[in-house]
Each structure stands twice: as C-alpha cells, then as structure tokens.
Amino acid sequence: MGKESKYTKITAKQGWLSVTPVLVFILAIRGYPLIVGICKSFTDWNGMSRSNFVGIRNYINIIKDPVFWSLLKNNILFMLFIPFQLIIGILVAVLFYEETAGWKFFRNVFYLPQIISSVVIGYLFSVFFSYRGPVNAILEAVGLGSLVTEWMGEKGSAIVIIIICLIWVNIGWQAMLGLGGLGAVSPAVFEAAKVDGAGYFQRLFKITIPMLGRTIEYSCVMSVIWVLTGLFPFIFAMTKGGPGYDTTTIDYMISN
C-alpha cells in the first residue's frame, strides 16, 4: 500500500512538471491580457497612454445601453442550436459506437467541418443562401419561386440560417465527444440490455443518455461559452451583424 501511494505521488509530480511549460505559456498569452483588460475596464483609456480610473462607470453605461441587451438577446437566440446539436450528435455517436456500415468514413465526414476555417464555412453559407445562390435556384426549379427571398437580409431567416450553420459545424464535435463518453461505458452493459430484449430506443433513452450525463453537461457548458465568445467569424462572413443589429452578437461588437 505504501509503495502504491509513493508511486502515485511521483506520478502526480511528474504530471505537474510535464504540464507546467504549457500552463506558463497559456498564462503568458491569455492570462496577462485578460488581467490587463479587466484592469483597463475600470478606466477611461484612450488606447495609448492616458488612463483615468472611473470605477464601474463603464459597466453602468453598458447596462443602460439598449443595444447591449439587443446583442445579448441575439446570443441567447443562437443558443437554440445546442439542444439540436446534442440530440443529433448523440444519435450519430451511438451509430458510430455500434459500428454501423460505413461508420469510419462517416466519422471523418461528420468531423470535417471542425477542421475547416470558420470564415470559409460562413462564406459558403452566405453564398448558398444569397439571392442568386443555389438554394433560391432550387426553389425556382421545383416551382416554389414564391419562397425565393434574400435569406441573409431578413432578421428571422438570417438567424435561422446561422443556427443551421452552427448545428452543422458542431455535430461532428458532439459525436466525437459522445463516442468518447460511450467508450468509458462497459460493453457488457449494452450486451446485457440486448440479451434482455431492449430495442434501440430503449437502450438509447434508458442506458446511453443516462450514462452520458456528465458528457452532456460538459458539452452544454462548453457550447454556451462558445456561443458567447466564438461566433465572430461566422457572423462576419455571413451577415456582418446585419440587417442592423439583428444578428450582431456581443463578441462581434467587441471584435469589430
């Protein structure tokens, strides 16, 4: 028992030593700017040298600004993609886990959007849904010309298209996350369920989803953080925040 504790202690020390360089690097390139930014938020700063302390006045002005609440509402609307991402991603993960025909090929296909530039994806969606884009051309070809519209120029349709884009981009990430969670579950659990006659949906709702509780929790937290901080490239490429402020998010306004 003593030898095991000593081995564990040595292993933990080696682990901390191995991640220390990375932690120092992250603190240097992310921690320091974050701390400086927080400090500057309490000042009237011209971006160069002049910096006068004003307390929480900047925060009060932001809260009083109706534009801020409009941007926050847009961020919340874009969070609607999260439940769709979870449902579709988990279903795909289960198909991968059960090694459905062609699962190796489709695993790469579903994850492909994660390695493509966000700006490129946003630009492709803006082209597809432009007034003279493929979507309107298909609608006209099948006799649904009355539905042709400037998809990115109207608030409701622009938000829906951005949400569809976010779902498509994140299905692969969610599927890989779910597949990793399923990998931690003993195969004997699923085998026993099959022997007892449990069907696909019974196994999905009574075994798979409960077993993936912590994975789903992690996915929701990370997705909310991403919606609040990572939508700038998509918004920039697809709508540039328009029409008006109808698709502008908080991170887009800060970055712009």
C-alpha atoms as a PDB file:
ATOM      1  CA  MET A   1       0.000   0.000   0.000  1.00  0.00           C
ATOM      2  CA  GLY A   2       2.874   2.331   0.869  1.00  0.00           C
ATOM      3  CA  LYS A   3       4.622   1.610  -2.424  1.00  0.00           C
ATOM      4  CA  GLU A   4       1.422   2.330  -4.341  1.00  0.00           C
ATOM      5  CA  SER A   5       0.978   5.714  -2.596  1.00  0.00           C
ATOM      6  CA  LYS A   6       4.613   6.616  -3.292  1.00  0.00           C
ATOM      7  CA  TYR A   7       4.192   5.663  -6.961  1.00  0.00           C
ATOM      8  CA  THR A   8       1.017   7.751  -7.194  1.00  0.00           C
ATOM      9  CA  LYS A   9       2.771  10.726  -5.609  1.00  0.00           C
ATOM     10  CA  ILE A  10       5.704  10.508  -8.008  1.00  0.00           C
ATOM     11  CA  THR A  11       3.361  10.170 -10.984  1.00  0.00           C
ATOM     12  CA  ALA A  12       1.378  13.254  -9.932  1.00  0.00           C
ATOM     13  CA  LYS A  13       4.582  15.261  -9.543  1.00  0.00           C
ATOM     14  CA  GLN A  14       5.770  14.195 -12.974  1.00  0.00           C
ATOM     15  CA  GLY A  15       2.376  15.129 -14.392  1.00  0.00           C
ATOM     16  CA  TRP A  16       2.553  18.649 -12.960  1.00  0.00           C
ATOM     17  CA  LEU A  17       6.108  19.065 -14.238  1.00  0.00           C
ATOM     18  CA  SER A  18       5.041  17.993 -17.731  1.00  0.00           C
ATOM     19  CA  VAL A  19       2.149  20.483 -17.947  1.00  0.00           C
ATOM     20  CA  THR A  20       3.983  23.393 -16.279  1.00  0.00           C
ATOM     21  CA  PRO A  21       5.513  24.751 -19.525  1.00  0.00           C
ATOM     22  CA  VAL A  22       2.094  24.736 -21.187  1.00  0.00           C
ATOM     23  CA  LEU A  23       0.458  26.413 -18.183  1.00  0.00           C
ATOM     24  CA  VAL A  24       3.127  29.139 -18.154  1.00  0.00           C
ATOM     25  CA  PHE A  25       2.645  29.687 -21.889  1.00  0.00           C
ATOM     26  CA  ILE A  26      -1.156  29.908 -21.563  1.00  0.00           C
ATOM     27  CA  LEU A  27      -0.909  32.321 -18.640  1.00  0.00           C
ATOM     28  CA  ALA A  28       1.528  34.463 -20.620  1.00  0.00           C
ATOM     29  CA  ILE A  29      -0.551  34.750 -23.800  1.00  0.00           C
ATOM     30  CA  ARG A  30      -4.042  34.596 -22.268  1.00  0.00           C
ATOM     31  CA  GLY A  31      -3.852  35.274 -18.553  1.00  0.00           C
ATOM     32  CA  TYR A  32      -1.862  38.509 -18.740  1.00  0.00           C
ATOM     33  CA  PRO A  33      -4.022  40.147 -21.464  1.00  0.00           C
ATOM     34  CA  LEU A  34      -7.139  39.095 -19.548  1.00  0.00           C
ATOM     35  CA  ILE A  35      -5.926  40.700 -16.325  1.00  0.00           C
ATOM     36  CA  VAL A  36      -4.871  43.876 -18.154  1.00  0.00           C
ATOM     37  CA  GLY A  37      -8.231  44.025 -19.927  1.00  0.00           C
ATOM     38  CA  ILE A  38     -10.120  43.712 -16.637  1.00  0.00           C
ATOM     39  CA  CYS A  39      -7.994  46.472 -15.094  1.00  0.00           C
ATOM     40  CA  LYS A  40      -8.488  48.750 -18.103  1.00  0.00           C
ATOM     41  CA  SER A  41     -12.263  48.217 -17.960  1.00  0.00           C
ATOM     42  CA  PHE A  42     -12.297  50.345 -14.806  1.00  0.00           C
ATOM     43  CA  THR A  43     -10.578  53.260 -16.548  1.00  0.00           C
ATOM     44  CA  ASP A  44     -11.199  55.858 -19.225  1.00  0.00           C
ATOM     45  CA  TRP A  45      -8.467  54.697 -21.610  1.00  0.00           C
ATOM     46  CA  ASN A  46      -7.596  56.211 -24.982  1.00  0.00           C
ATOM     47  CA  GLY A  47      -5.869  53.030 -26.147  1.00  0.00           C
ATOM     48  CA  MET A  48      -2.396  54.522 -25.821  1.00  0.00           C
ATOM     49  CA  SER A  49      -1.087  56.170 -22.669  1.00  0.00           C
ATOM     50  CA  ARG A  50      -3.857  58.135 -20.961  1.00  0.00           C
ATOM     51  CA  SER A  51      -5.775  56.031 -18.463  1.00  0.00           C
ATOM     52  CA  ASN A  52      -8.005  57.599 -15.801  1.00  0.00           C
ATOM     53  CA  PHE A  53      -9.738  55.461 -13.181  1.00  0.00           C
ATOM     54  CA  VAL A  54     -13.553  55.751 -13.428  1.00  0.00           C
ATOM     55  CA  GLY A  55     -14.676  52.822 -11.267  1.00  0.00           C
ATOM     56  CA  ILE A  56     -17.700  50.890 -12.563  1.00  0.00           C
ATOM     57  CA  ARG A  57     -18.983  53.738 -14.750  1.00  0.00           C
ATOM     58  CA  ASN A  58     -18.167  51.813 -17.943  1.00  0.00           C
ATOM     59  CA  TYR A  59     -20.213  48.847 -16.765  1.00  0.00           C
ATOM     60  CA  ILE A  60     -23.138  51.069 -15.792  1.00  0.00           C
ATOM     61  CA  ASN A  61     -23.091  52.691 -19.242  1.00  0.00           C
ATOM     62  CA  ILE A  62     -23.109  49.280 -20.924  1.00  0.00           C
ATOM     63  CA  ILE A  63     -26.062  48.053 -18.869  1.00  0.00           C
ATOM     64  CA  LYS A  64     -28.015  51.241 -19.634  1.00  0.00           C
ATOM     65  CA  ASP A  65     -27.363  50.911 -23.365  1.00  0.00           C
ATOM     66  CA  PRO A  66     -30.355  49.197 -25.089  1.00  0.00           C
ATOM     67  CA  VAL A  67     -28.011  47.920 -27.819  1.00  0.00           C
ATOM     68  CA  PHE A  68     -26.252  45.701 -25.264  1.00  0.00           C
ATOM     69  CA  TRP A  69     -29.494  43.955 -24.362  1.00  0.00           C
ATOM     70  CA  SER A  70     -30.305  43.510 -28.040  1.00  0.00           C
ATOM     71  CA  LEU A  71     -26.928  41.835 -28.600  1.00  0.00           C
ATOM     72  CA  LEU A  72     -27.377  39.632 -25.529  1.00  0.00           C
ATOM     73  CA  LYS A  73     -30.784  38.566 -26.843  1.00  0.00           C
ATOM     74  CA  ASN A  74     -29.150  37.541 -30.126  1.00  0.00           C
ATOM     75  CA  ASN A  75     -26.583  35.454 -28.247  1.00  0.00           C
ATOM     76  CA  ILE A  76     -29.382  33.713 -26.355  1.00  0.00           C
ATOM     77  CA  LEU A  77     -31.243  33.026 -29.617  1.00  0.00           C
ATOM     78  CA  PHE A  78     -28.147  31.421 -31.097  1.00  0.00           C
ATOM     79  CA  MET A  79     -28.011  29.092 -28.087  1.00  0.00           C
ATOM     80  CA  LEU A  80     -31.059  27.364 -29.576  1.00  0.00           C
ATOM     81  CA  PHE A  81     -28.633  25.277 -31.634  1.00  0.00           C
ATOM     82  CA  ILE A  82     -27.359  23.497 -28.507  1.00  0.00           C
ATOM     83  CA  PRO A  83     -30.266  21.034 -27.965  1.00  0.00           C
ATOM     84  CA  PHE A  84     -30.299  20.142 -31.686  1.00  0.00           C
ATOM     85  CA  GLN A  85     -26.537  19.624 -31.590  1.00  0.00           C
ATOM     86  CA  LEU A  86     -26.888  17.346 -28.561  1.00  0.00           C
ATOM     87  CA  ILE A  87     -29.706  15.229 -29.968  1.00  0.00           C
ATOM     88  CA  ILE A  88     -28.224  14.740 -33.431  1.00  0.00           C
ATOM     89  CA  GLY A  89     -24.674  14.356 -32.121  1.00  0.00           C
ATOM     90  CA  ILE A  90     -25.615  11.659 -29.622  1.00  0.00           C
ATOM     91  CA  LEU A  91     -27.631   9.746 -32.220  1.00  0.00           C
ATOM     92  CA  VAL A  92     -24.636   9.835 -34.559  1.00  0.00           C
ATOM     93  CA  ALA A  93     -22.292   8.807 -31.720  1.00  0.00           C
ATOM     94  CA  VAL A  94     -24.453   5.760 -30.979  1.00  0.00           C
ATOM     95  CA  LEU A  95     -24.355   4.749 -34.655  1.00  0.00           C
ATOM     96  CA  PHE A  96     -20.560   5.088 -34.607  1.00  0.00           C
ATOM     97  CA  TYR A  97     -20.319   3.125 -31.360  1.00  0.00           C
ATOM     98  CA  GLU A  98     -22.388   0.270 -32.791  1.00  0.00           C
ATOM     99  CA  GLU A  99     -20.143   0.342 -35.877  1.00  0.00           C
ATOM    100  CA  THR A 100     -22.925   0.825 -38.401  1.00  0.00           C
ATOM    101  CA  ALA A 101     -21.899   0.145 -42.008  1.00  0.00           C
ATOM    102  CA  GLY A 102     -19.521   2.860 -43.228  1.00  0.00           C
ATOM    103  CA  TRP A 103     -19.017   4.318 -39.754  1.00  0.00           C
ATOM    104  CA  LYS A 104     -15.291   5.001 -40.253  1.00  0.00           C
ATOM    105  CA  PHE A 105     -15.927   7.002 -43.424  1.00  0.00           C
ATOM    106  CA  PHE A 106     -18.819   8.974 -41.941  1.00  0.00           C
ATOM    107  CA  ARG A 107     -16.836   9.661 -38.767  1.00  0.00           C
ATOM    108  CA  ASN A 108     -14.384  11.643 -40.893  1.00  0.00           C
ATOM    109  CA  VAL A 109     -17.176  13.295 -42.893  1.00  0.00           C
ATOM    110  CA  PHE A 110     -19.051  14.490 -39.810  1.00  0.00           C
ATOM    111  CA  TYR A 111     -15.898  15.856 -38.191  1.00  0.00           C
ATOM    112  CA  LEU A 112     -14.701  17.627 -41.343  1.00  0.00           C
ATOM    113  CA  PRO A 113     -16.407  20.996 -40.530  1.00  0.00           C
ATOM    114  CA  GLN A 114     -14.316  21.206 -37.355  1.00  0.00           C
ATOM    115  CA  ILE A 115     -11.083  21.457 -39.323  1.00  0.00           C
ATOM    116  CA  ILE A 116     -12.372  23.927 -41.933  1.00  0.00           C
ATOM    117  CA  SER A 117     -11.920  27.643 -41.257  1.00  0.00           C
ATOM    118  CA  SER A 118     -14.986  29.228 -39.653  1.00  0.00           C
ATOM    119  CA  VAL A 119     -14.748  32.137 -42.104  1.00  0.00           C
ATOM    120  CA  VAL A 120     -14.786  29.720 -45.057  1.00  0.00           C
ATOM    121  CA  ILE A 121     -17.851  27.927 -43.682  1.00  0.00           C
ATOM    122  CA  GLY A 122     -19.633  31.227 -43.074  1.00  0.00           C
ATOM    123  CA  TYR A 123     -18.800  32.418 -46.591  1.00  0.00           C
ATOM    124  CA  LEU A 124     -20.095  29.167 -48.128  1.00  0.00           C
ATOM    125  CA  PHE A 125     -23.406  29.502 -46.280  1.00  0.00           C
ATOM    126  CA  SER A 126     -23.709  33.145 -47.344  1.00  0.00           C
ATOM    127  CA  VAL A 127     -23.175  32.088 -50.982  1.00  0.00           C
ATOM    128  CA  PHE A 128     -25.642  29.197 -50.782  1.00  0.00           C
ATOM    129  CA  PHE A 129     -28.358  31.398 -49.288  1.00  0.00           C
ATOM    130  CA  SER A 130     -27.678  34.554 -51.297  1.00  0.00           C
ATOM    131  CA  TYR A 131     -30.436  35.879 -53.539  1.00  0.00           C
ATOM    132  CA  ARG A 132     -28.855  34.320 -56.635  1.00  0.00           C
ATOM    133  CA  GLY A 133     -27.480  31.338 -54.756  1.00  0.00           C
ATOM    134  CA  PRO A 134     -28.172  27.598 -55.180  1.00  0.00           C
ATOM    135  CA  VAL A 135     -30.987  27.495 -52.608  1.00  0.00           C
ATOM    136  CA  ASN A 136     -33.138  30.058 -54.419  1.00  0.00           C
ATOM    137  CA  ALA A 137     -32.254  28.461 -57.766  1.00  0.00           C
ATOM    138  CA  ILE A 138     -33.520  25.081 -56.496  1.00  0.00           C
ATOM    139  CA  LEU A 139     -36.728  26.657 -55.181  1.00  0.00           C
ATOM    140  CA  GLU A 140     -37.395  28.233 -58.561  1.00  0.00           C
ATOM    141  CA  ALA A 141     -36.591  24.981 -60.362  1.00  0.00           C
ATOM    142  CA  VAL A 142     -39.161  22.988 -58.344  1.00  0.00           C
ATOM    143  CA  GLY A 143     -41.882  25.604 -58.740  1.00  0.00           C
ATOM    144  CA  LEU A 144     -41.519  27.282 -55.352  1.00  0.00           C
ATOM    145  CA  GLY A 145     -40.428  30.663 -56.686  1.00  0.00           C
ATOM    146  CA  SER A 146     -42.736  32.412 -54.218  1.00  0.00           C
ATOM    147  CA  LEU A 147     -40.374  31.343 -51.426  1.00  0.00           C
ATOM    148  CA  VAL A 148     -37.350  32.978 -53.021  1.00  0.00           C
ATOM    149  CA  THR A 149     -36.022  35.721 -50.761  1.00  0.00           C
ATOM    150  CA  GLU A 150     -32.878  37.455 -49.577  1.00  0.00           C
ATOM    151  CA  TRP A 151     -32.270  34.976 -46.775  1.00  0.00           C
ATOM    152  CA  MET A 152     -29.425  36.895 -45.176  1.00  0.00           C
ATOM    153  CA  GLY A 153     -31.224  40.226 -45.469  1.00  0.00           C
ATOM    154  CA  GLU A 154     -34.149  39.409 -43.182  1.00  0.00           C
ATOM    155  CA  LYS A 155     -33.841  39.045 -39.423  1.00  0.00           C
ATOM    156  CA  GLY A 156     -35.823  35.843 -38.933  1.00  0.00           C
ATOM    157  CA  SER A 157     -34.342  33.881 -41.814  1.00  0.00           C
ATOM    158  CA  ALA A 158     -30.781  35.112 -41.144  1.00  0.00           C
ATOM    159  CA  ILE A 159     -30.892  33.891 -37.536  1.00  0.00           C
ATOM    160  CA  VAL A 160     -32.327  30.518 -38.578  1.00  0.00           C
ATOM    161  CA  ILE A 161     -29.611  30.015 -41.217  1.00  0.00           C
ATOM    162  CA  ILE A 162     -26.861  30.890 -38.741  1.00  0.00           C
ATOM    163  CA  ILE A 163     -28.332  28.397 -36.265  1.00  0.00           C
ATOM    164  CA  ILE A 164     -28.413  25.717 -39.003  1.00  0.00           C
ATOM    165  CA  CYS A 165     -24.783  26.521 -39.768  1.00  0.00           C
ATOM    166  CA  LEU A 166     -23.793  26.175 -36.100  1.00  0.00           C
ATOM    167  CA  ILE A 167     -25.602  22.839 -35.824  1.00  0.00           C
ATOM    168  CA  TRP A 168     -23.860  21.507 -38.936  1.00  0.00           C
ATOM    169  CA  VAL A 169     -20.450  22.652 -37.727  1.00  0.00           C
ATOM    170  CA  ASN A 170     -20.783  21.138 -34.255  1.00  0.00           C
ATOM    171  CA  ILE A 171     -22.446  17.771 -34.952  1.00  0.00           C
ATOM    172  CA  GLY A 172     -19.052  16.148 -35.535  1.00  0.00           C
ATOM    173  CA  TRP A 173     -17.580  17.586 -32.340  1.00  0.00           C
ATOM    174  CA  GLN A 174     -20.608  16.440 -30.350  1.00  0.00           C
ATOM    175  CA  ALA A 175     -20.494  12.974 -31.937  1.00  0.00           C
ATOM    176  CA  MET A 176     -16.806  12.524 -31.088  1.00  0.00           C
ATOM    177  CA  LEU A 177     -17.467  13.729 -27.538  1.00  0.00           C
ATOM    178  CA  GLY A 178     -20.352  11.287 -27.186  1.00  0.00           C
ATOM    179  CA  LEU A 179     -18.285   8.486 -28.674  1.00  0.00           C
ATOM    180  CA  GLY A 180     -15.573   9.157 -26.110  1.00  0.00           C
ATOM    181  CA  GLY A 181     -18.162   9.036 -23.333  1.00  0.00           C
ATOM    182  CA  LEU A 182     -19.559   5.749 -24.632  1.00  0.00           C
ATOM    183  CA  GLY A 183     -16.047   4.343 -24.739  1.00  0.00           C
ATOM    184  CA  ALA A 184     -15.897   4.672 -20.955  1.00  0.00           C
ATOM    185  CA  VAL A 185     -19.023   2.506 -20.546  1.00  0.00           C
ATOM    186  CA  SER A 186     -18.533  -1.248 -20.247  1.00  0.00           C
ATOM    187  CA  PRO A 187     -19.788  -3.045 -23.399  1.00  0.00           C
ATOM    188  CA  ALA A 188     -21.269  -5.649 -21.068  1.00  0.00           C
ATOM    189  CA  VAL A 189     -23.991  -3.156 -20.113  1.00  0.00           C
ATOM    190  CA  PHE A 190     -25.235  -2.892 -23.691  1.00  0.00           C
ATOM    191  CA  GLU A 191     -24.827  -6.596 -24.324  1.00  0.00           C
ATOM    192  CA  ALA A 192     -26.940  -7.384 -21.261  1.00  0.00           C
ATOM    193  CA  ALA A 193     -29.623  -4.969 -22.462  1.00  0.00           C
ATOM    194  CA  LYS A 194     -29.704  -6.654 -25.883  1.00  0.00           C
ATOM    195  CA  VAL A 195     -29.994 -10.076 -24.265  1.00  0.00           C
ATOM    196  CA  ASP A 196     -32.916  -8.795 -22.177  1.00  0.00           C
ATOM    197  CA  GLY A 197     -34.646  -7.713 -25.395  1.00  0.00           C
ATOM    198  CA  ALA A 198     -34.155  -3.951 -25.150  1.00  0.00           C
ATOM    199  CA  GLY A 199     -34.638  -2.243 -28.505  1.00  0.00           C
ATOM    200  CA  TYR A 200     -32.548   0.576 -29.983  1.00  0.00           C
ATOM    201  CA  PHE A 201     -34.597   3.418 -28.485  1.00  0.00           C
ATOM    202  CA  GLN A 202     -34.921   1.664 -25.126  1.00  0.00           C
ATOM    203  CA  ARG A 203     -31.139   1.349 -24.960  1.00  0.00           C
ATOM    204  CA  LEU A 204     -30.773   4.966 -26.112  1.00  0.00           C
ATOM    205  CA  PHE A 205     -33.069   6.575 -23.529  1.00  0.00           C
ATOM    206  CA  LYS A 206     -32.612   4.183 -20.607  1.00  0.00           C
ATOM    207  CA  ILE A 207     -28.892   3.404 -20.869  1.00  0.00           C
ATOM    208  CA  THR A 208     -26.965   5.587 -23.306  1.00  0.00           C
ATOM    209  CA  ILE A 209     -28.265   9.037 -22.372  1.00  0.00           C
ATOM    210  CA  PRO A 210     -28.144   8.444 -18.577  1.00  0.00           C
ATOM    211  CA  MET A 211     -24.602   7.086 -18.937  1.00  0.00           C
ATOM    212  CA  LEU A 212     -23.604  10.214 -20.887  1.00  0.00           C
ATOM    213  CA  GLY A 213     -24.910  12.606 -18.226  1.00  0.00           C
ATOM    214  CA  ARG A 214     -21.517  14.157 -17.419  1.00  0.00           C
ATOM    215  CA  THR A 215     -20.578  14.313 -21.110  1.00  0.00           C
ATOM    216  CA  ILE A 216     -23.813  16.147 -21.924  1.00  0.00           C
ATOM    217  CA  GLU A 217     -23.217  18.521 -19.018  1.00  0.00           C
ATOM    218  CA  TYR A 218     -19.707  19.299 -20.275  1.00  0.00           C
ATOM    219  CA  SER A 219     -20.994  19.799 -23.823  1.00  0.00           C
ATOM    220  CA  CYS A 220     -23.682  22.260 -22.697  1.00  0.00           C
ATOM    221  CA  VAL A 221     -21.231  24.345 -20.660  1.00  0.00           C
ATOM    222  CA  MET A 222     -18.643  24.488 -23.452  1.00  0.00           C
ATOM    223  CA  SER A 223     -21.300  25.273 -26.074  1.00  0.00           C
ATOM    224  CA  VAL A 224     -22.700  28.186 -24.040  1.00  0.00           C
ATOM    225  CA  ILE A 225     -19.181  29.592 -23.595  1.00  0.00           C
ATOM    226  CA  TRP A 226     -18.549  29.172 -27.329  1.00  0.00           C
ATOM    227  CA  VAL A 227     -21.770  30.997 -28.264  1.00  0.00           C
ATOM    228  CA  LEU A 228     -20.759  33.934 -26.054  1.00  0.00           C
ATOM    229  CA  THR A 229     -17.167  34.130 -27.305  1.00  0.00           C
ATOM    230  CA  GLY A 230     -16.686  32.318 -30.614  1.00  0.00           C
ATOM    231  CA  LEU A 231     -19.314  33.406 -33.152  1.00  0.00           C
ATOM    232  CA  PHE A 232     -17.415  36.373 -34.593  1.00  0.00           C
ATOM    233  CA  PRO A 233     -16.016  34.623 -37.720  1.00  0.00           C
ATOM    234  CA  PHE A 234     -19.420  33.165 -38.664  1.00  0.00           C
ATOM    235  CA  ILE A 235     -21.272  36.463 -38.179  1.00  0.00           C
ATOM    236  CA  PHE A 236     -18.557  38.405 -40.003  1.00  0.00           C
ATOM    237  CA  ALA A 237     -18.606  36.093 -43.023  1.00  0.00           C
ATOM    238  CA  MET A 238     -22.370  35.605 -43.241  1.00  0.00           C
ATOM    239  CA  THR A 239     -24.151  38.834 -42.284  1.00  0.00           C
ATOM    240  CA  LYS A 240     -21.612  41.266 -40.766  1.00  0.00           C
ATOM    241  CA  GLY A 241     -24.127  41.689 -37.955  1.00  0.00           C
ATOM    242  CA  GLY A 242     -26.945  42.858 -40.195  1.00  0.00           C
ATOM    243  CA  PRO A 243     -29.555  43.732 -41.017  1.00  0.00           C
ATOM    244  CA  GLY A 244     -28.967  46.489 -38.473  1.00  0.00           C
ATOM    245  CA  TYR A 245     -28.029  44.797 -35.203  1.00  0.00           C
ATOM    246  CA  ASP A 246     -30.378  41.865 -35.818  1.00  0.00           C
ATOM    247  CA  THR A 247     -27.615  39.224 -35.950  1.00  0.00           C
ATOM    248  CA  THR A 248     -24.885  41.104 -34.097  1.00  0.00           C
ATOM    249  CA  THR A 249     -23.504  39.293 -31.052  1.00  0.00           C
ATOM    250  CA  ILE A 250     -21.560  40.632 -28.087  1.00  0.00           C
ATOM    251  CA  ASP A 251     -18.249  39.162 -29.224  1.00  0.00           C
ATOM    252  CA  TYR A 252     -18.791  40.509 -32.752  1.00  0.00           C
ATOM    253  CA  MET A 253     -19.381  44.020 -31.414  1.00  0.00           C
ATOM    254  CA  ILE A 254     -16.257  43.800 -29.213  1.00  0.00           C
ATOM    255  CA  SER A 255     -14.077  42.455 -32.030  1.00  0.00           C
ATOM    256  CA  ASN A 256     -15.450  44.895 -34.553  1.00  0.00           C
END
